[in-house]
Amino acid sequence: MKLFLRLTLIFLLAAPALHAASDCLATTGGVSLTLPAPAGGIVEVGADKRDYFAYMVPDTTRLLCAFVPSGILPGLTSPARGLGRYMLVEVSRRAEAATQEISASDFAEVIASVKQQIGDGTTLAKTAQSSSEEATRKLREMGDSKGISIQQITPLGVIFQSPDAYAVAMASPVTSGGVASQVLNASVLLRVRGRLLFVYLYADGGDEASLNWLKTVAGEWTRQILSYNPPLQ
């Protein structure tokens, strides 16, 4: 059970070529998953471009898929920046190595701990600092010297919760290369075929329209992912 409690901190720290149009096929912990692209002209970037998002992914997780608006894909460069709206699906490396199935009760325990962590301002401040440092280090490894600074993480409330999903919205002022912006994020924990997925949706701007878009797409996409991956018999 300690394994699943560790995963809550991962949750807080928070895709083949152009032919990829909708589904992303992934395997984690020996289980095959089909991760469809969200509706609205969103596509999976393909295996050759997933590394462009490496600086956004903590060392503790592995990127399964990355999704962007179709109009952005042809000009996407490394590191991926200035996307406006994009989505990432990740999995815990520790849980993946353990190949241990997450039961409904395990998932409920993870969610309870996540709620406690999100309500702790000290934990959120430490997460903002460690995430900034890790992203900056990885950007430099990718040849980008601008770096990233996340000033704070502000929870905006729970979007939805079900036996197999939990989603929360957050806002973060982010500065990079002297340019400041407001980034909205919908973080979704999903139990899919006995595996725990971290699903993240991002949108630039702190306006209500962007927040409503995040909430709507997060709900629709979650239902879509679960429908594509019925429980194993």
C-alpha atoms as a PDB file:
ATOM      1  CA  MET A   1       0.000   0.000   0.000  1.00  0.00           C
ATOM      2  CA  LYS A   2       2.947   2.331   0.587  1.00  0.00           C
ATOM      3  CA  LEU A   3       3.592   2.231  -3.141  1.00  0.00           C
ATOM      4  CA  PHE A   4       0.250   3.832  -3.882  1.00  0.00           C
ATOM      5  CA  LEU A   5       0.727   6.537  -1.269  1.00  0.00           C
ATOM      6  CA  ARG A   6       4.022   7.517  -2.900  1.00  0.00           C
ATOM      7  CA  LEU A   7       2.178   7.983  -6.164  1.00  0.00           C
ATOM      8  CA  THR A   8       0.269  10.939  -4.737  1.00  0.00           C
ATOM      9  CA  LEU A   9       3.398  13.080  -4.805  1.00  0.00           C
ATOM     10  CA  ILE A  10       3.939  12.175  -8.452  1.00  0.00           C
ATOM     11  CA  PHE A  11       0.408  13.353  -9.162  1.00  0.00           C
ATOM     12  CA  LEU A  12       1.153  16.776  -7.693  1.00  0.00           C
ATOM     13  CA  LEU A  13       4.353  17.285  -9.721  1.00  0.00           C
ATOM     14  CA  ALA A  14       2.558  18.177 -12.378  1.00  0.00           C
ATOM     15  CA  ALA A  15       2.585  10.904 -28.226  1.00  0.00           C
ATOM     16  CA  PRO A  16       4.733   6.871 -34.789  1.00  0.00           C
ATOM     17  CA  ALA A  17       5.031   9.968 -37.027  1.00  0.00           C
ATOM     18  CA  LEU A  18       2.571  12.263 -38.789  1.00  0.00           C
ATOM     19  CA  HIS A  19       0.266   9.390 -39.617  1.00  0.00           C
ATOM     20  CA  ALA A  20      -0.876   9.362 -35.983  1.00  0.00           C
ATOM     21  CA  ALA A  21      -4.339  10.870 -36.185  1.00  0.00           C
ATOM     22  CA  SER A  22      -6.340   9.680 -33.234  1.00  0.00           C
ATOM     23  CA  ASP A  23      -5.384   6.722 -31.078  1.00  0.00           C
ATOM     24  CA  CYS A  24      -2.168   6.238 -29.143  1.00  0.00           C
ATOM     25  CA  LEU A  25      -1.379   2.594 -28.433  1.00  0.00           C
ATOM     26  CA  ALA A  26       0.626   2.084 -25.250  1.00  0.00           C
ATOM     27  CA  THR A  27       1.670  -0.694 -22.901  1.00  0.00           C
ATOM     28  CA  THR A  28       2.304  -0.299 -19.192  1.00  0.00           C
ATOM     29  CA  GLY A  29       2.928  -3.006 -16.647  1.00  0.00           C
ATOM     30  CA  GLY A  30       2.219  -5.634 -19.296  1.00  0.00           C
ATOM     31  CA  VAL A  31      -1.235  -4.202 -20.054  1.00  0.00           C
ATOM     32  CA  SER A  32      -2.098  -2.802 -23.493  1.00  0.00           C
ATOM     33  CA  LEU A  33      -4.053   0.446 -23.606  1.00  0.00           C
ATOM     34  CA  THR A  34      -5.689   2.470 -26.355  1.00  0.00           C
ATOM     35  CA  LEU A  35      -5.604   6.184 -25.605  1.00  0.00           C
ATOM     36  CA  PRO A  36      -7.781   8.105 -28.055  1.00  0.00           C
ATOM     37  CA  ALA A  37      -7.187  11.731 -28.923  1.00  0.00           C
ATOM     38  CA  PRO A  38      -9.634  14.213 -27.387  1.00  0.00           C
ATOM     39  CA  ALA A  39     -12.280  15.567 -29.725  1.00  0.00           C
ATOM     40  CA  GLY A  40     -11.875  18.937 -31.405  1.00  0.00           C
ATOM     41  CA  GLY A  41      -9.013  18.572 -33.868  1.00  0.00           C
ATOM     42  CA  ILE A  42      -6.495  17.161 -31.389  1.00  0.00           C
ATOM     43  CA  VAL A  43      -3.894  14.629 -32.569  1.00  0.00           C
ATOM     44  CA  GLU A  44      -1.187  12.498 -30.966  1.00  0.00           C
ATOM     45  CA  VAL A  45       2.270  13.799 -31.870  1.00  0.00           C
ATOM     46  CA  GLY A  46       3.876  10.445 -32.633  1.00  0.00           C
ATOM     47  CA  ALA A  47       6.862   8.569 -31.211  1.00  0.00           C
ATOM     48  CA  ASP A  48       9.376  10.767 -33.056  1.00  0.00           C
ATOM     49  CA  LYS A  49       8.144  13.926 -31.312  1.00  0.00           C
ATOM     50  CA  ARG A  50       7.254  12.790 -27.809  1.00  0.00           C
ATOM     51  CA  ASP A  51      10.765  13.597 -26.621  1.00  0.00           C
ATOM     52  CA  TYR A  52      10.010  17.262 -27.340  1.00  0.00           C
ATOM     53  CA  PHE A  53       7.959  17.192 -24.119  1.00  0.00           C
ATOM     54  CA  ALA A  54      10.665  15.535 -21.994  1.00  0.00           C
ATOM     55  CA  TYR A  55      11.269  18.591 -19.817  1.00  0.00           C
ATOM     56  CA  MET A  56       7.638  18.542 -18.683  1.00  0.00           C
ATOM     57  CA  VAL A  57       7.769  14.943 -17.469  1.00  0.00           C
ATOM     58  CA  PRO A  58       9.190  14.191 -13.981  1.00  0.00           C
ATOM     59  CA  ASP A  59      11.903  11.557 -13.654  1.00  0.00           C
ATOM     60  CA  THR A  60       9.425   9.514 -11.618  1.00  0.00           C
ATOM     61  CA  THR A  61       7.028   9.071 -14.539  1.00  0.00           C
ATOM     62  CA  ARG A  62       7.156   7.894 -18.155  1.00  0.00           C
ATOM     63  CA  LEU A  63       5.373   9.687 -20.966  1.00  0.00           C
ATOM     64  CA  LEU A  64       2.967   7.441 -22.863  1.00  0.00           C
ATOM     65  CA  CYS A  65       1.320   9.922 -25.232  1.00  0.00           C
ATOM     66  CA  ALA A  66       1.276  13.633 -26.044  1.00  0.00           C
ATOM     67  CA  PHE A  67      -1.543  15.429 -27.844  1.00  0.00           C
ATOM     68  CA  VAL A  68      -1.670  18.843 -29.553  1.00  0.00           C
ATOM     69  CA  PRO A  69      -4.034  20.717 -31.899  1.00  0.00           C
ATOM     70  CA  SER A  70      -3.594  19.365 -35.429  1.00  0.00           C
ATOM     71  CA  GLY A  71      -2.534  22.770 -36.782  1.00  0.00           C
ATOM     72  CA  ILE A  72       0.477  22.850 -34.440  1.00  0.00           C
ATOM     73  CA  LEU A  73       1.867  19.416 -35.273  1.00  0.00           C
ATOM     74  CA  PRO A  74       3.619  20.166 -38.606  1.00  0.00           C
ATOM     75  CA  GLY A  75       5.681  22.984 -37.068  1.00  0.00           C
ATOM     76  CA  LEU A  76       6.306  21.372 -33.683  1.00  0.00           C
ATOM     77  CA  THR A  77       9.945  21.711 -32.601  1.00  0.00           C
ATOM     78  CA  SER A  78      12.038  20.668 -29.610  1.00  0.00           C
ATOM     79  CA  PRO A  79      11.583  21.592 -26.853  1.00  0.00           C
ATOM     80  CA  ALA A  80       7.810  21.956 -27.259  1.00  0.00           C
ATOM     81  CA  ARG A  81       6.872  25.512 -26.248  1.00  0.00           C
ATOM     82  CA  GLY A  82       4.132  28.032 -26.866  1.00  0.00           C
ATOM     83  CA  LEU A  83       1.532  25.376 -27.585  1.00  0.00           C
ATOM     84  CA  GLY A  84      -1.423  27.087 -25.930  1.00  0.00           C
ATOM     85  CA  ARG A  85      -3.318  23.859 -25.347  1.00  0.00           C
ATOM     86  CA  TYR A  86      -1.913  20.342 -25.098  1.00  0.00           C
ATOM     87  CA  MET A  87      -2.344  17.073 -23.188  1.00  0.00           C
ATOM     88  CA  LEU A  88       0.020  14.484 -21.712  1.00  0.00           C
ATOM     89  CA  VAL A  89      -0.564  10.950 -20.429  1.00  0.00           C
ATOM     90  CA  GLU A  90       1.993   9.531 -18.027  1.00  0.00           C
ATOM     91  CA  VAL A  91       2.527   6.488 -15.825  1.00  0.00           C
ATOM     92  CA  SER A  92       4.552   5.999 -12.647  1.00  0.00           C
ATOM     93  CA  ARG A  93       7.850   4.233 -13.332  1.00  0.00           C
ATOM     94  CA  ARG A  94       7.760   2.607  -9.902  1.00  0.00           C
ATOM     95  CA  ALA A  95       4.248   1.248 -10.345  1.00  0.00           C
ATOM     96  CA  GLU A  96       5.054   0.139 -13.879  1.00  0.00           C
ATOM     97  CA  ALA A  97       8.070  -1.840 -12.700  1.00  0.00           C
ATOM     98  CA  ALA A  98       6.023  -3.477  -9.962  1.00  0.00           C
ATOM     99  CA  THR A  99       3.367  -4.585 -12.494  1.00  0.00           C
ATOM    100  CA  GLN A 100       0.975  -4.602  -9.565  1.00  0.00           C
ATOM    101  CA  GLU A 101      -2.718  -4.144 -10.270  1.00  0.00           C
ATOM    102  CA  ILE A 102      -4.391  -1.219  -8.551  1.00  0.00           C
ATOM    103  CA  SER A 103      -7.688  -2.264  -7.014  1.00  0.00           C
ATOM    104  CA  ALA A 104     -10.678  -0.028  -6.429  1.00  0.00           C
ATOM    105  CA  SER A 105      -9.756   0.266  -2.757  1.00  0.00           C
ATOM    106  CA  ASP A 106      -6.148   1.132  -3.642  1.00  0.00           C
ATOM    107  CA  PHE A 107      -7.390   3.863  -5.943  1.00  0.00           C
ATOM    108  CA  ALA A 108      -9.701   5.261  -3.268  1.00  0.00           C
ATOM    109  CA  GLU A 109      -6.761   5.435  -0.867  1.00  0.00           C
ATOM    110  CA  VAL A 110      -4.635   7.266  -3.429  1.00  0.00           C
ATOM    111  CA  ILE A 111      -7.405   9.829  -3.984  1.00  0.00           C
ATOM    112  CA  ALA A 112      -7.832  10.412  -0.255  1.00  0.00           C
ATOM    113  CA  SER A 113      -4.123  11.112   0.095  1.00  0.00           C
ATOM    114  CA  VAL A 114      -4.066  13.343  -3.001  1.00  0.00           C
ATOM    115  CA  LYS A 115      -6.846  15.477  -1.546  1.00  0.00           C
ATOM    116  CA  GLN A 116      -4.846  15.926   1.620  1.00  0.00           C
ATOM    117  CA  GLN A 117      -1.725  16.890  -0.325  1.00  0.00           C
ATOM    118  CA  ILE A 118      -3.608  19.398  -2.482  1.00  0.00           C
ATOM    119  CA  GLY A 119      -4.963  21.070   0.638  1.00  0.00           C
ATOM    120  CA  ASP A 120      -1.461  21.548   2.053  1.00  0.00           C
ATOM    121  CA  GLY A 121      -0.004  24.892   0.967  1.00  0.00           C
ATOM    122  CA  THR A 122       3.506  23.930   2.059  1.00  0.00           C
ATOM    123  CA  THR A 123       3.453  20.820  -0.115  1.00  0.00           C
ATOM    124  CA  LEU A 124       2.220  22.808  -3.116  1.00  0.00           C
ATOM    125  CA  ALA A 125       4.963  25.401  -2.649  1.00  0.00           C
ATOM    126  CA  LYS A 126       7.631  22.694  -2.513  1.00  0.00           C
ATOM    127  CA  THR A 127       6.130  21.056  -5.585  1.00  0.00           C
ATOM    128  CA  ALA A 128       6.262  24.343  -7.537  1.00  0.00           C
ATOM    129  CA  GLN A 129       9.917  24.820  -6.628  1.00  0.00           C
ATOM    130  CA  SER A 130      11.036  21.247  -7.361  1.00  0.00           C
ATOM    131  CA  SER A 131       9.067  21.157 -10.628  1.00  0.00           C
ATOM    132  CA  SER A 132      10.685  24.436 -11.747  1.00  0.00           C
ATOM    133  CA  GLU A 133      14.170  23.166 -10.955  1.00  0.00           C
ATOM    134  CA  GLU A 134      13.664  19.838 -12.701  1.00  0.00           C
ATOM    135  CA  ALA A 135      12.106  21.406 -15.815  1.00  0.00           C
ATOM    136  CA  THR A 136      14.901  23.993 -16.036  1.00  0.00           C
ATOM    137  CA  ARG A 137      17.562  21.288 -15.744  1.00  0.00           C
ATOM    138  CA  LYS A 138      15.960  19.236 -18.477  1.00  0.00           C
ATOM    139  CA  LEU A 139      15.559  22.265 -20.744  1.00  0.00           C
ATOM    140  CA  ARG A 140      19.271  22.981 -20.450  1.00  0.00           C
ATOM    141  CA  GLU A 141      19.990  19.365 -21.351  1.00  0.00           C
ATOM    142  CA  MET A 142      17.835  19.956 -24.437  1.00  0.00           C
ATOM    143  CA  GLY A 143      19.850  23.062 -25.360  1.00  0.00           C
ATOM    144  CA  ASP A 144      17.352  25.660 -24.099  1.00  0.00           C
ATOM    145  CA  SER A 145      18.781  28.107 -21.563  1.00  0.00           C
ATOM    146  CA  LYS A 146      15.578  30.021 -20.759  1.00  0.00           C
ATOM    147  CA  GLY A 147      14.444  27.865 -17.871  1.00  0.00           C
ATOM    148  CA  ILE A 148      11.056  27.883 -16.166  1.00  0.00           C
ATOM    149  CA  SER A 149       9.824  29.295 -12.873  1.00  0.00           C
ATOM    150  CA  ILE A 150       6.474  28.256 -11.401  1.00  0.00           C
ATOM    151  CA  GLN A 151       5.572  30.885  -8.807  1.00  0.00           C
ATOM    152  CA  GLN A 152       2.825  28.928  -7.084  1.00  0.00           C
ATOM    153  CA  ILE A 153       0.142  26.298  -7.587  1.00  0.00           C
ATOM    154  CA  THR A 154      -3.422  27.334  -6.796  1.00  0.00           C
ATOM    155  CA  PRO A 155      -6.104  24.605  -6.630  1.00  0.00           C
ATOM    156  CA  LEU A 156      -9.336  25.627  -8.363  1.00  0.00           C
ATOM    157  CA  GLY A 157     -11.473  22.781  -7.097  1.00  0.00           C
ATOM    158  CA  VAL A 158     -12.467  19.260  -8.007  1.00  0.00           C
ATOM    159  CA  ILE A 159     -13.810  18.880 -11.543  1.00  0.00           C
ATOM    160  CA  PHE A 160     -15.284  15.418 -11.063  1.00  0.00           C
ATOM    161  CA  GLN A 161     -14.829  12.182  -9.148  1.00  0.00           C
ATOM    162  CA  SER A 162     -15.926   8.617  -9.828  1.00  0.00           C
ATOM    163  CA  PRO A 163     -14.779   5.143  -8.719  1.00  0.00           C
ATOM    164  CA  ASP A 164     -12.155   5.153 -11.502  1.00  0.00           C
ATOM    165  CA  ALA A 165     -11.348   8.842 -11.952  1.00  0.00           C
ATOM    166  CA  TYR A 166     -10.496  11.973 -10.027  1.00  0.00           C
ATOM    167  CA  ALA A 167      -9.882  15.363 -11.631  1.00  0.00           C
ATOM    168  CA  VAL A 168      -8.838  18.680 -10.149  1.00  0.00           C
ATOM    169  CA  ALA A 169      -8.180  22.061 -11.764  1.00  0.00           C
ATOM    170  CA  MET A 170      -5.156  24.203 -10.895  1.00  0.00           C
ATOM    171  CA  ALA A 171      -3.657  27.531 -11.937  1.00  0.00           C
ATOM    172  CA  SER A 172       0.029  28.506 -11.975  1.00  0.00           C
ATOM    173  CA  PRO A 173       1.778  31.765 -12.915  1.00  0.00           C
ATOM    174  CA  VAL A 174       4.769  30.669 -14.999  1.00  0.00           C
ATOM    175  CA  THR A 175       7.777  32.729 -16.100  1.00  0.00           C
ATOM    176  CA  SER A 176      10.204  31.671 -18.820  1.00  0.00           C
ATOM    177  CA  GLY A 177      12.761  33.819 -20.592  1.00  0.00           C
ATOM    178  CA  GLY A 178      11.400  36.901 -18.872  1.00  0.00           C
ATOM    179  CA  VAL A 179       7.902  36.274 -20.188  1.00  0.00           C
ATOM    180  CA  ALA A 180       5.135  35.654 -17.645  1.00  0.00           C
ATOM    181  CA  SER A 181       1.933  33.754 -18.359  1.00  0.00           C
ATOM    182  CA  GLN A 182      -0.920  32.107 -16.516  1.00  0.00           C
ATOM    183  CA  VAL A 183      -1.227  28.371 -17.095  1.00  0.00           C
ATOM    184  CA  LEU A 184      -4.350  26.387 -16.292  1.00  0.00           C
ATOM    185  CA  ASN A 185      -4.153  22.671 -15.708  1.00  0.00           C
ATOM    186  CA  ALA A 186      -6.614  19.833 -15.289  1.00  0.00           C
ATOM    187  CA  SER A 187      -4.937  16.886 -13.562  1.00  0.00           C
ATOM    188  CA  VAL A 188      -6.771  13.585 -13.823  1.00  0.00           C
ATOM    189  CA  LEU A 189      -5.985  10.342 -12.030  1.00  0.00           C
ATOM    190  CA  LEU A 190      -7.412   7.366 -13.905  1.00  0.00           C
ATOM    191  CA  ARG A 191      -7.634   3.695 -12.992  1.00  0.00           C
ATOM    192  CA  VAL A 192      -7.622   1.941 -16.353  1.00  0.00           C
ATOM    193  CA  ARG A 193      -7.457  -1.833 -16.594  1.00  0.00           C
ATOM    194  CA  GLY A 194      -5.896  -2.016 -13.156  1.00  0.00           C
ATOM    195  CA  ARG A 195      -3.231   0.567 -13.999  1.00  0.00           C
ATOM    196  CA  LEU A 196      -2.891   4.124 -12.698  1.00  0.00           C
ATOM    197  CA  LEU A 197      -2.592   6.849 -15.340  1.00  0.00           C
ATOM    198  CA  PHE A 198      -1.764  10.524 -14.856  1.00  0.00           C
ATOM    199  CA  VAL A 199      -3.626  12.558 -17.459  1.00  0.00           C
ATOM    200  CA  TYR A 200      -2.813  16.268 -17.773  1.00  0.00           C
ATOM    201  CA  LEU A 201      -4.531  18.947 -19.834  1.00  0.00           C
ATOM    202  CA  TYR A 202      -2.998  22.423 -20.166  1.00  0.00           C
ATOM    203  CA  ALA A 203      -4.256  25.768 -21.437  1.00  0.00           C
ATOM    204  CA  ASP A 204      -2.599  29.179 -21.459  1.00  0.00           C
ATOM    205  CA  GLY A 205      -4.577  32.065 -20.004  1.00  0.00           C
ATOM    206  CA  GLY A 206      -6.450  32.557 -16.774  1.00  0.00           C
ATOM    207  CA  ASP A 207      -9.824  33.391 -18.291  1.00  0.00           C
ATOM    208  CA  GLU A 208     -13.065  31.579 -17.531  1.00  0.00           C
ATOM    209  CA  ALA A 209     -13.452  30.357 -21.112  1.00  0.00           C
ATOM    210  CA  SER A 210     -10.132  28.485 -20.938  1.00  0.00           C
ATOM    211  CA  LEU A 211     -11.050  26.985 -17.574  1.00  0.00           C
ATOM    212  CA  ASN A 212     -14.447  25.848 -18.860  1.00  0.00           C
ATOM    213  CA  TRP A 213     -12.753  24.309 -21.901  1.00  0.00           C
ATOM    214  CA  LEU A 214     -10.393  22.358 -19.633  1.00  0.00           C
ATOM    215  CA  LYS A 215     -13.227  21.075 -17.485  1.00  0.00           C
ATOM    216  CA  THR A 216     -15.350  20.044 -20.459  1.00  0.00           C
ATOM    217  CA  VAL A 217     -12.568  18.284 -22.346  1.00  0.00           C
ATOM    218  CA  ALA A 218     -11.275  16.580 -19.182  1.00  0.00           C
ATOM    219  CA  GLY A 219     -14.695  15.043 -18.537  1.00  0.00           C
ATOM    220  CA  GLU A 220     -15.323  14.010 -22.132  1.00  0.00           C
ATOM    221  CA  TRP A 221     -11.835  12.604 -22.619  1.00  0.00           C
ATOM    222  CA  THR A 222     -11.948  10.648 -19.371  1.00  0.00           C
ATOM    223  CA  ARG A 223     -15.175   8.945 -20.420  1.00  0.00           C
ATOM    224  CA  GLN A 224     -13.655   8.261 -23.838  1.00  0.00           C
ATOM    225  CA  ILE A 225     -10.489   6.659 -22.417  1.00  0.00           C
ATOM    226  CA  LEU A 226     -12.469   4.440 -20.058  1.00  0.00           C
ATOM    227  CA  SER A 227     -14.830   3.348 -22.830  1.00  0.00           C
ATOM    228  CA  TYR A 228     -11.895   2.430 -25.073  1.00  0.00           C
ATOM    229  CA  ASN A 229     -10.371   0.312 -22.317  1.00  0.00           C
ATOM    230  CA  PRO A 230     -12.997  -1.872 -20.618  1.00  0.00           C
ATOM    231  CA  PRO A 231     -11.865  -3.842 -17.549  1.00  0.00           C
ATOM    232  CA  LEU A 232      -9.877  -6.992 -18.270  1.00  0.00           C
ATOM    233  CA  GLN A 233     -11.824 -10.189 -17.721  1.00  0.00           C
END
